All heavy atoms as atom14 arrays in JSON, in Angstrom:
{
  "sequence": "GVKTLGIFGPTDPRLSGPYPLTSPTNFYIQAPV",
  "atom14_mask": [
    [1, 1, 1, 1, 0, 0, 0, 0, 0, 0, 0, 0, 0, 0],
    [1, 1, 1, 1, 1, 1, 1, 0, 0, 0, 0, 0, 0, 0],
    [1, 1, 1, 1, 1, 1, 1, 1, 1, 0, 0, 0, 0, 0],
    [1, 1, 1, 1, 1, 1, 1, 0, 0, 0, 0, 0, 0, 0],
    [1, 1, 1, 1, 1, 1, 1, 1, 0, 0, 0, 0, 0, 0],
    [1, 1, 1, 1, 0, 0, 0, 0, 0, 0, 0, 0, 0, 0],
    [1, 1, 1, 1, 1, 1, 1, 1, 0, 0, 0, 0, 0, 0],
    [1, 1, 1, 1, 1, 1, 1, 1, 1, 1, 1, 0, 0, 0],
    [1, 1, 1, 1, 0, 0, 0, 0, 0, 0, 0, 0, 0, 0],
    [1, 1, 1, 1, 1, 1, 1, 0, 0, 0, 0, 0, 0, 0],
    [1, 1, 1, 1, 1, 1, 1, 0, 0, 0, 0, 0, 0, 0],
    [1, 1, 1, 1, 1, 1, 1, 1, 0, 0, 0, 0, 0, 0],
    [1, 1, 1, 1, 1, 1, 1, 0, 0, 0, 0, 0, 0, 0],
    [1, 1, 1, 1, 1, 1, 1, 1, 1, 1, 1, 0, 0, 0],
    [1, 1, 1, 1, 1, 1, 1, 1, 0, 0, 0, 0, 0, 0],
    [1, 1, 1, 1, 1, 1, 0, 0, 0, 0, 0, 0, 0, 0],
    [1, 1, 1, 1, 0, 0, 0, 0, 0, 0, 0, 0, 0, 0],
    [1, 1, 1, 1, 1, 1, 1, 0, 0, 0, 0, 0, 0, 0],
    [1, 1, 1, 1, 1, 1, 1, 1, 1, 1, 1, 1, 0, 0],
    [1, 1, 1, 1, 1, 1, 1, 0, 0, 0, 0, 0, 0, 0],
    [1, 1, 1, 1, 1, 1, 1, 1, 0, 0, 0, 0, 0, 0],
    [1, 1, 1, 1, 1, 1, 1, 0, 0, 0, 0, 0, 0, 0],
    [1, 1, 1, 1, 1, 1, 0, 0, 0, 0, 0, 0, 0, 0],
    [1, 1, 1, 1, 1, 1, 1, 0, 0, 0, 0, 0, 0, 0],
    [1, 1, 1, 1, 1, 1, 1, 0, 0, 0, 0, 0, 0, 0],
    [1, 1, 1, 1, 1, 1, 1, 1, 0, 0, 0, 0, 0, 0],
    [1, 1, 1, 1, 1, 1, 1, 1, 1, 1, 1, 0, 0, 0],
    [1, 1, 1, 1, 1, 1, 1, 1, 1, 1, 1, 1, 0, 0],
    [1, 1, 1, 1, 1, 1, 1, 1, 0, 0, 0, 0, 0, 0],
    [1, 1, 1, 1, 1, 1, 1, 1, 1, 0, 0, 0, 0, 0],
    [1, 1, 1, 1, 1, 0, 0, 0, 0, 0, 0, 0, 0, 0],
    [1, 1, 1, 1, 1, 1, 1, 0, 0, 0, 0, 0, 0, 0],
    [1, 1, 1, 1, 1, 1, 1, 0, 0, 0, 0, 0, 0, 0]
  ],
  "atom14_positions": [
    [[-29.05, 19.67, 4.84], [-28.77, 20.09, 6.2], [-28.93, 19.03, 7.25], [-28.96, 19.33, 8.45], [0.0, 0.0, 0.0], [0.0, 0.0, 0.0], [0.0, 0.0, 0.0], [0.0, 0.0, 0.0], [0.0, 0.0, 0.0], [0.0, 0.0, 0.0], [0.0, 0.0, 0.0], [0.0, 0.0, 0.0], [0.0, 0.0, 0.0], [0.0, 0.0, 0.0]],
    [[-29.02, 17.76, 6.84], [-29.15, 16.64, 7.77], [-27.75, 16.24, 8.24], [-26.78, 16.32, 7.48], [-29.87, 15.46, 7.1], [-29.93, 14.25, 8.02], [-31.27, 15.87, 6.67], [0.0, 0.0, 0.0], [0.0, 0.0, 0.0], [0.0, 0.0, 0.0], [0.0, 0.0, 0.0], [0.0, 0.0, 0.0], [0.0, 0.0, 0.0], [0.0, 0.0, 0.0]],
    [[-27.63, 15.78, 9.47], [-26.32, 15.35, 9.98], [-25.84, 14.14, 9.19], [-26.58, 13.17, 9.0], [-26.44, 15.0, 11.47], [-26.65, 16.21, 12.37], [-26.92, 15.8, 13.81], [-28.29, 15.19, 13.96], [-28.66, 14.95, 15.38], [0.0, 0.0, 0.0], [0.0, 0.0, 0.0], [0.0, 0.0, 0.0], [0.0, 0.0, 0.0], [0.0, 0.0, 0.0]],
    [[-24.61, 14.22, 8.72], [-24.06, 13.17, 7.86], [-22.77, 12.61, 8.45], [-21.98, 13.33, 9.07], [-23.75, 13.7, 6.45], [-22.73, 14.7, 6.54], [-24.98, 14.29, 5.8], [0.0, 0.0, 0.0], [0.0, 0.0, 0.0], [0.0, 0.0, 0.0], [0.0, 0.0, 0.0], [0.0, 0.0, 0.0], [0.0, 0.0, 0.0], [0.0, 0.0, 0.0]],
    [[-22.57, 11.31, 8.21], [-21.3, 10.64, 8.51], [-20.9, 9.85, 7.28], [-21.55, 8.86, 6.94], [-21.42, 9.72, 9.72], [-20.19, 8.86, 10.03], [-18.96, 9.72, 10.25], [-20.44, 7.97, 11.25], [0.0, 0.0, 0.0], [0.0, 0.0, 0.0], [0.0, 0.0, 0.0], [0.0, 0.0, 0.0], [0.0, 0.0, 0.0], [0.0, 0.0, 0.0]],
    [[-19.86, 10.3, 6.59], [-19.39, 9.61, 5.4], [-18.32, 8.61, 5.76], [-17.4, 8.9, 6.54], [0.0, 0.0, 0.0], [0.0, 0.0, 0.0], [0.0, 0.0, 0.0], [0.0, 0.0, 0.0], [0.0, 0.0, 0.0], [0.0, 0.0, 0.0], [0.0, 0.0, 0.0], [0.0, 0.0, 0.0], [0.0, 0.0, 0.0], [0.0, 0.0, 0.0]],
    [[-18.42, 7.4, 5.2], [-17.43, 6.34, 5.39], [-16.57, 6.28, 4.14], [-17.05, 5.93, 3.05], [-18.1, 4.98, 5.65], [-19.11, 5.08, 6.79], [-17.05, 3.92, 5.94], [-18.51, 5.41, 8.14], [0.0, 0.0, 0.0], [0.0, 0.0, 0.0], [0.0, 0.0, 0.0], [0.0, 0.0, 0.0], [0.0, 0.0, 0.0], [0.0, 0.0, 0.0]],
    [[-15.28, 6.63, 4.28], [-14.41, 6.76, 3.12], [-13.27, 5.76, 3.16], [-12.69, 5.51, 4.23], [-13.85, 8.19, 3.03], [-14.85, 9.18, 2.54], [-15.8, 9.7, 3.41], [-14.86, 9.58, 1.22], [-16.74, 10.61, 2.96], [-15.79, 10.48, 0.76], [-16.74, 10.99, 1.63], [0.0, 0.0, 0.0], [0.0, 0.0, 0.0], [0.0, 0.0, 0.0]],
    [[-12.96, 5.22, 1.99], [-11.84, 4.32, 1.83], [-10.79, 4.95, 0.93], [-10.03, 5.8, 1.36], [0.0, 0.0, 0.0], [0.0, 0.0, 0.0], [0.0, 0.0, 0.0], [0.0, 0.0, 0.0], [0.0, 0.0, 0.0], [0.0, 0.0, 0.0], [0.0, 0.0, 0.0], [0.0, 0.0, 0.0], [0.0, 0.0, 0.0], [0.0, 0.0, 0.0]],
    [[-10.75, 4.55, -0.37], [-9.69, 5.04, -1.25], [-9.89, 6.47, -1.73], [-8.95, 7.09, -2.23], [-9.75, 4.06, -2.42], [-11.17, 3.61, -2.45], [-11.61, 3.55, -1.02], [0.0, 0.0, 0.0], [0.0, 0.0, 0.0], [0.0, 0.0, 0.0], [0.0, 0.0, 0.0], [0.0, 0.0, 0.0], [0.0, 0.0, 0.0], [0.0, 0.0, 0.0]],
    [[-11.09, 7.02, -1.64], [-11.33, 8.38, -2.12], [-11.04, 9.4, -1.03], [-11.13, 9.1, 0.16], [-12.78, 8.53, -2.61], [-13.68, 8.07, -1.59], [-13.01, 7.71, -3.87], [0.0, 0.0, 0.0], [0.0, 0.0, 0.0], [0.0, 0.0, 0.0], [0.0, 0.0, 0.0], [0.0, 0.0, 0.0], [0.0, 0.0, 0.0], [0.0, 0.0, 0.0]],
    [[-10.71, 10.6, -1.47], [-10.32, 11.67, -0.55], [-11.56, 12.45, -0.12], [-12.21, 13.09, -0.96], [-9.33, 12.6, -1.25], [-8.71, 13.62, -0.31], [-9.27, 13.85, 0.77], [-7.66, 14.19, -0.67], [0.0, 0.0, 0.0], [0.0, 0.0, 0.0], [0.0, 0.0, 0.0], [0.0, 0.0, 0.0], [0.0, 0.0, 0.0], [0.0, 0.0, 0.0]],
    [[-11.92, 12.46, 1.16], [-13.11, 13.19, 1.6], [-13.01, 14.7, 1.38], [-14.03, 15.37, 1.29], [-13.21, 12.85, 3.09], [-11.88, 12.36, 3.48], [-11.28, 11.73, 2.26], [0.0, 0.0, 0.0], [0.0, 0.0, 0.0], [0.0, 0.0, 0.0], [0.0, 0.0, 0.0], [0.0, 0.0, 0.0], [0.0, 0.0, 0.0], [0.0, 0.0, 0.0]],
    [[-11.79, 15.22, 1.25], [-11.64, 16.64, 0.95], [-12.14, 16.96, -0.45], [-12.53, 18.1, -0.73], [-10.18, 17.06, 1.1], [-9.64, 16.97, 2.52], [-8.15, 17.17, 2.54], [-7.45, 16.14, 1.77], [-6.13, 16.09, 1.61], [-5.38, 17.02, 2.16], [-5.58, 15.11, 0.9], [0.0, 0.0, 0.0], [0.0, 0.0, 0.0], [0.0, 0.0, 0.0]],
    [[-12.16, 15.94, -1.33], [-12.59, 16.14, -2.71], [-13.99, 15.63, -2.97], [-14.65, 16.09, -3.9], [-11.61, 15.45, -3.66], [-10.14, 15.85, -3.53], [-9.31, 15.11, -4.56], [-9.96, 17.35, -3.66], [0.0, 0.0, 0.0], [0.0, 0.0, 0.0], [0.0, 0.0, 0.0], [0.0, 0.0, 0.0], [0.0, 0.0, 0.0], [0.0, 0.0, 0.0]],
    [[-14.47, 14.67, -2.18], [-15.79, 14.1, -2.45], [-16.62, 13.91, -1.19], [-17.63, 13.21, -1.22], [-15.64, 12.75, -3.18], [-14.87, 11.84, -2.41], [0.0, 0.0, 0.0], [0.0, 0.0, 0.0], [0.0, 0.0, 0.0], [0.0, 0.0, 0.0], [0.0, 0.0, 0.0], [0.0, 0.0, 0.0], [0.0, 0.0, 0.0], [0.0, 0.0, 0.0]],
    [[-16.21, 14.52, -0.09], [-16.96, 14.38, 1.16], [-18.17, 15.29, 1.2], [-18.41, 16.1, 0.3], [0.0, 0.0, 0.0], [0.0, 0.0, 0.0], [0.0, 0.0, 0.0], [0.0, 0.0, 0.0], [0.0, 0.0, 0.0], [0.0, 0.0, 0.0], [0.0, 0.0, 0.0], [0.0, 0.0, 0.0], [0.0, 0.0, 0.0], [0.0, 0.0, 0.0]],
    [[-18.97, 15.17, 2.27], [-20.12, 16.07, 2.43], [-19.64, 17.51, 2.55], [-18.76, 17.8, 3.35], [-20.79, 15.56, 3.71], [-19.7, 14.85, 4.46], [-18.8, 14.26, 3.41], [0.0, 0.0, 0.0], [0.0, 0.0, 0.0], [0.0, 0.0, 0.0], [0.0, 0.0, 0.0], [0.0, 0.0, 0.0], [0.0, 0.0, 0.0], [0.0, 0.0, 0.0]],
    [[-20.23, 18.39, 1.76], [-19.71, 19.76, 1.66], [-20.56, 20.73, 2.46], [-21.79, 20.68, 2.38], [-19.67, 20.18, 0.19], [-18.94, 21.48, -0.04], [-17.57, 21.51, -0.25], [-19.64, 22.69, -0.03], [-16.9, 22.7, -0.46], [-18.97, 23.89, -0.23], [-17.61, 23.89, -0.45], [-16.95, 25.08, -0.65], [0.0, 0.0, 0.0], [0.0, 0.0, 0.0]],
    [[-19.92, 21.66, 3.19], [-18.48, 21.73, 3.45], [-18.1, 20.87, 4.67], [-18.9, 20.69, 5.58], [-18.26, 23.21, 3.75], [-19.54, 23.65, 4.39], [-20.62, 22.85, 3.7], [0.0, 0.0, 0.0], [0.0, 0.0, 0.0], [0.0, 0.0, 0.0], [0.0, 0.0, 0.0], [0.0, 0.0, 0.0], [0.0, 0.0, 0.0], [0.0, 0.0, 0.0]],
    [[-16.88, 20.38, 4.69], [-16.44, 19.56, 5.82], [-16.33, 20.37, 7.1], [-16.25, 19.79, 8.19], [-15.1, 18.91, 5.49], [-15.13, 17.77, 4.47], [-13.72, 17.27, 4.18], [-15.99, 16.63, 4.96], [0.0, 0.0, 0.0], [0.0, 0.0, 0.0], [0.0, 0.0, 0.0], [0.0, 0.0, 0.0], [0.0, 0.0, 0.0], [0.0, 0.0, 0.0]],
    [[-16.33, 21.69, 6.99], [-16.29, 22.53, 8.18], [-17.66, 22.72, 8.82], [-17.76, 23.3, 9.9], [-15.72, 23.91, 7.82], [-16.5, 24.48, 6.74], [-14.27, 23.81, 7.38], [0.0, 0.0, 0.0], [0.0, 0.0, 0.0], [0.0, 0.0, 0.0], [0.0, 0.0, 0.0], [0.0, 0.0, 0.0], [0.0, 0.0, 0.0], [0.0, 0.0, 0.0]],
    [[-18.71, 22.23, 8.18], [-20.06, 22.38, 8.74], [-20.19, 21.56, 10.02], [-19.68, 20.44, 10.11], [-21.1, 21.91, 7.73], [-22.38, 21.78, 8.34], [0.0, 0.0, 0.0], [0.0, 0.0, 0.0], [0.0, 0.0, 0.0], [0.0, 0.0, 0.0], [0.0, 0.0, 0.0], [0.0, 0.0, 0.0], [0.0, 0.0, 0.0], [0.0, 0.0, 0.0]],
    [[-20.9, 22.06, 11.03], [-21.09, 21.3, 12.27], [-21.97, 20.08, 12.12], [-22.1, 19.3, 13.06], [-21.73, 22.33, 13.22], [-22.39, 23.32, 12.31], [-21.51, 23.4, 11.1], [0.0, 0.0, 0.0], [0.0, 0.0, 0.0], [0.0, 0.0, 0.0], [0.0, 0.0, 0.0], [0.0, 0.0, 0.0], [0.0, 0.0, 0.0], [0.0, 0.0, 0.0]],
    [[-22.57, 19.87, 10.92], [-23.4, 18.7, 10.7], [-22.76, 17.69, 9.76], [-23.36, 16.63, 9.5], [-24.77, 19.11, 10.12], [-24.58, 19.82, 8.9], [-25.53, 19.99, 11.1], [0.0, 0.0, 0.0], [0.0, 0.0, 0.0], [0.0, 0.0, 0.0], [0.0, 0.0, 0.0], [0.0, 0.0, 0.0], [0.0, 0.0, 0.0], [0.0, 0.0, 0.0]],
    [[-21.57, 17.98, 9.23], [-20.92, 17.08, 8.28], [-19.66, 16.47, 8.89], [-18.77, 17.19, 9.35], [-20.54, 17.83, 7.0], [-21.75, 18.26, 6.19], [-22.83, 17.69, 6.33], [-21.59, 19.27, 5.37], [0.0, 0.0, 0.0], [0.0, 0.0, 0.0], [0.0, 0.0, 0.0], [0.0, 0.0, 0.0], [0.0, 0.0, 0.0], [0.0, 0.0, 0.0]],
    [[-19.59, 15.12, 8.86], [-18.47, 14.41, 9.44], [-18.04, 13.27, 8.5], [-18.82, 12.85, 7.65], [-18.84, 13.82, 10.81], [-19.35, 14.84, 11.78], [-20.72, 15.06, 11.92], [-18.48, 15.58, 12.55], [-21.19, 16.01, 12.81], [-18.94, 16.52, 13.45], [-20.3, 16.74, 13.59], [0.0, 0.0, 0.0], [0.0, 0.0, 0.0], [0.0, 0.0, 0.0]],
    [[-16.84, 12.8, 8.7], [-16.39, 11.64, 7.94], [-15.39, 10.85, 8.75], [-14.75, 11.35, 9.67], [-15.77, 12.05, 6.6], [-14.42, 12.72, 6.7], [-13.24, 11.96, 6.78], [-14.31, 14.11, 6.72], [-12.01, 12.56, 6.86], [-13.08, 14.72, 6.8], [-11.92, 13.94, 6.88], [-10.7, 14.55, 6.97], [0.0, 0.0, 0.0], [0.0, 0.0, 0.0]],
    [[-15.27, 9.58, 8.39], [-14.23, 8.7, 8.91], [-13.56, 8.04, 7.71], [-14.25, 7.51, 6.84], [-14.8, 7.62, 9.86], [-15.41, 8.27, 11.1], [-13.73, 6.62, 10.25], [-16.09, 7.27, 12.03], [0.0, 0.0, 0.0], [0.0, 0.0, 0.0], [0.0, 0.0, 0.0], [0.0, 0.0, 0.0], [0.0, 0.0, 0.0], [0.0, 0.0, 0.0]],
    [[-12.25, 8.09, 7.67], [-11.52, 7.45, 6.57], [-10.81, 6.21, 7.09], [-10.17, 6.24, 8.14], [-10.53, 8.4, 5.92], [-9.91, 7.83, 4.65], [-9.34, 8.89, 3.75], [-8.87, 9.92, 4.22], [-9.38, 8.66, 2.44], [0.0, 0.0, 0.0], [0.0, 0.0, 0.0], [0.0, 0.0, 0.0], [0.0, 0.0, 0.0], [0.0, 0.0, 0.0]],
    [[-10.92, 5.13, 6.35], [-10.33, 3.86, 6.74], [-8.81, 3.94, 6.72], [-8.23, 4.69, 5.93], [-10.8, 2.75, 5.8], [0.0, 0.0, 0.0], [0.0, 0.0, 0.0], [0.0, 0.0, 0.0], [0.0, 0.0, 0.0], [0.0, 0.0, 0.0], [0.0, 0.0, 0.0], [0.0, 0.0, 0.0], [0.0, 0.0, 0.0], [0.0, 0.0, 0.0]],
    [[-8.15, 3.16, 7.56], [-6.69, 3.12, 7.56], [-6.15, 2.75, 6.18], [-6.65, 1.81, 5.55], [-6.36, 2.04, 8.6], [-7.55, 2.01, 9.5], [-8.73, 2.31, 8.62], [0.0, 0.0, 0.0], [0.0, 0.0, 0.0], [0.0, 0.0, 0.0], [0.0, 0.0, 0.0], [0.0, 0.0, 0.0], [0.0, 0.0, 0.0], [0.0, 0.0, 0.0]],
    [[-5.16, 3.5, 5.72], [-4.52, 3.35, 4.41], [-5.54, 3.22, 3.28], [-5.27, 2.63, 2.24], [-3.53, 2.16, 4.39], [-2.42, 2.37, 5.38], [-4.22, 0.81, 4.64], [0.0, 0.0, 0.0], [0.0, 0.0, 0.0], [0.0, 0.0, 0.0], [0.0, 0.0, 0.0], [0.0, 0.0, 0.0], [0.0, 0.0, 0.0], [0.0, 0.0, 0.0]]
  ]
}
């Protein structure tokens, strides 16, 4: 339940991001391309 920011490159955050991505404490940024 800690606030998270995932840094994603080639992997899809919908499949391996902090779950659930709809949580108000879970965030991600995906690199361009």
